[in-house]
C-alpha atoms as a PDB file:
ATOM      1  CA  MET A   1     -58.752 -16.630  72.714  1.00  0.00           C
ATOM      2  CA  THR A   2     -54.943 -16.854  72.829  1.00  0.00           C
ATOM      3  CA  ALA A   3     -52.836 -17.167  69.681  1.00  0.00           C
ATOM      4  CA  VAL A   4     -50.833 -20.390  69.677  1.00  0.00           C
ATOM      5  CA  THR A   5     -47.638 -20.993  67.722  1.00  0.00           C
ATOM      6  CA  PHE A   6     -46.723 -24.200  65.940  1.00  0.00           C
ATOM      7  CA  ASN A   7     -45.137 -25.637  69.101  1.00  0.00           C
ATOM      8  CA  ASN A   8     -48.213 -25.049  71.291  1.00  0.00           C
ATOM      9  CA  ILE A   9     -46.603 -22.254  73.288  1.00  0.00           C
ATOM     10  CA  PRO A  10     -48.803 -19.191  73.514  1.00  0.00           C
ATOM     11  CA  ALA A  11     -47.547 -16.437  71.225  1.00  0.00           C
ATOM     12  CA  GLY A  12     -45.600 -13.676  72.938  1.00  0.00           C
ATOM     13  CA  ARG A  13     -44.415 -15.808  75.823  1.00  0.00           C
ATOM     14  CA  ASN A  14     -40.758 -16.315  76.613  1.00  0.00           C
ATOM     15  CA  THR A  15     -39.736 -19.784  75.476  1.00  0.00           C
ATOM     16  CA  GLY A  16     -36.921 -19.924  78.018  1.00  0.00           C
ATOM     17  CA  SER A  17     -34.081 -19.909  75.533  1.00  0.00           C
ATOM     18  CA  SER A  18     -30.803 -19.720  77.432  1.00  0.00           C
ATOM     19  CA  PHE A  19     -28.900 -18.096  74.535  1.00  0.00           C
ATOM     20  CA  LYS A  20     -27.995 -14.513  75.273  1.00  0.00           C
ATOM     21  CA  ALA A  21     -25.862 -12.675  72.719  1.00  0.00           C
ATOM     22  CA  PRO A  22     -23.224 -10.389  74.202  1.00  0.00           C
ATOM     23  CA  LYS A  23     -24.299  -6.770  74.226  1.00  0.00           C
ATOM     24  CA  ASN A  24     -21.248  -5.704  72.270  1.00  0.00           C
ATOM     25  CA  PHE A  25     -21.004  -8.751  70.030  1.00  0.00           C
ATOM     26  CA  LEU A  26     -19.962  -6.867  66.899  1.00  0.00           C
ATOM     27  CA  GLN A  27     -17.350  -4.863  68.805  1.00  0.00           C
ATOM     28  CA  ALA A  28     -15.944  -8.041  70.358  1.00  0.00           C
ATOM     29  CA  LEU A  29     -15.864  -9.732  66.956  1.00  0.00           C
ATOM     30  CA  LEU A  30     -14.105  -6.765  65.374  1.00  0.00           C
ATOM     31  CA  ASN A  31     -11.574  -6.641  68.225  1.00  0.00           C
ATOM     32  CA  ALA A  32     -10.833 -10.350  67.790  1.00  0.00           C
ATOM     33  CA  ILE A  33     -10.314  -9.919  64.050  1.00  0.00           C
ATOM     34  CA  VAL A  34      -8.014  -6.917  64.526  1.00  0.00           C
ATOM     35  CA  GLU A  35      -5.996  -8.774  67.173  1.00  0.00           C
ATOM     36  CA  THR A  36      -5.647 -11.863  64.980  1.00  0.00           C
ATOM     37  CA  VAL A  37      -4.547  -9.834  61.961  1.00  0.00           C
ATOM     38  CA  SER A  38      -2.024  -7.838  63.989  1.00  0.00           C
ATOM     39  CA  ARG A  39      -0.555 -11.041  65.478  1.00  0.00           C
ATOM     40  CA  GLU A  40      -0.259 -12.539  61.999  1.00  0.00           C
ATOM     41  CA  LEU A  41       1.454  -9.427  60.643  1.00  0.00           C
ATOM     42  CA  ALA A  42       3.908  -9.416  63.556  1.00  0.00           C
ATOM     43  CA  ALA A  43       4.686 -13.111  62.997  1.00  0.00           C
ATOM     44  CA  ARG A  44       5.288 -12.539  59.289  1.00  0.00           C
ATOM     45  CA  LYS A  45       7.613  -9.632  60.064  1.00  0.00           C
ATOM     46  CA  ALA A  46       9.621 -11.759  62.521  1.00  0.00           C
ATOM     47  CA  ILE A  47       9.841 -14.611  59.997  1.00  0.00           C
ATOM     48  CA  ARG A  48      10.972 -12.217  57.279  1.00  0.00           C
ATOM     49  CA  GLU A  49      13.661 -10.742  59.554  1.00  0.00           C
ATOM     50  CA  LEU A  50      14.945 -14.148  60.656  1.00  0.00           C
ATOM     51  CA  ASN A  51      15.078 -15.329  57.050  1.00  0.00           C
ATOM     52  CA  ASN A  52      17.552 -12.504  56.414  1.00  0.00           C
ATOM     53  CA  TYR A  53      19.957 -13.913  59.046  1.00  0.00           C
ATOM     54  CA  SER A  54      22.931 -15.946  57.892  1.00  0.00           C
ATOM     55  CA  GLU A  55      23.247 -19.627  58.789  1.00  0.00           C
ATOM     56  CA  HIS A  56      25.888 -18.679  61.382  1.00  0.00           C
ATOM     57  CA  GLU A  57      23.619 -16.070  63.011  1.00  0.00           C
ATOM     58  CA  LEU A  58      20.753 -18.544  63.147  1.00  0.00           C
ATOM     59  CA  ALA A  59      23.033 -21.158  64.712  1.00  0.00           C
ATOM     60  CA  ASP A  60      24.033 -18.597  67.360  1.00  0.00           C
ATOM     61  CA  ILE A  61      20.405 -18.376  68.479  1.00  0.00           C
ATOM     62  CA  GLY A  62      19.901 -22.133  68.200  1.00  0.00           C
ATOM     63  CA  LEU A  63      17.846 -22.290  65.014  1.00  0.00           C
ATOM     64  CA  ASN A  64      18.075 -23.909  61.622  1.00  0.00           C
ATOM     65  CA  ARG A  65      16.421 -22.158  58.697  1.00  0.00           C
ATOM     66  CA  CYS A  66      13.687 -24.804  58.560  1.00  0.00           C
ATOM     67  CA  GLN A  67      12.756 -24.080  62.203  1.00  0.00           C
ATOM     68  CA  ILE A  68      12.123 -20.346  61.814  1.00  0.00           C
ATOM     69  CA  GLU A  69       8.370 -20.363  61.227  1.00  0.00           C
ATOM     70  CA  HIS A  70       7.711 -22.927  63.955  1.00  0.00           C
ATOM     71  CA  ALA A  71       9.852 -21.016  66.442  1.00  0.00           C
ATOM     72  CA  VAL A  72       8.081 -17.723  65.687  1.00  0.00           C
ATOM     73  CA  ARG A  73       4.559 -19.111  65.801  1.00  0.00           C
ATOM     74  CA  THR A  74       4.952 -21.305  68.894  1.00  0.00           C
ATOM     75  CA  GLY A  75       7.461 -19.267  70.838  1.00  0.00           C
ATOM     76  CA  ARG A  76       9.655 -22.320  70.895  1.00  0.00           C
END
């Protein structure tokens, strides 16, 4: 007699699920988090530095003060 699960598939048989987790899922997740955090820190540093520029210096590089964050984050 074969054990049957609630969905009438014999127990222990492969159900054919196509989901396959990456072998290094946790490492990939950690790498993605580290990369995201480092990008954010770099963006904040650039924003902080540009906020220290005078209006004249910002105009020389084609920016207004209100455009700093957008320019840093999108690469304008």
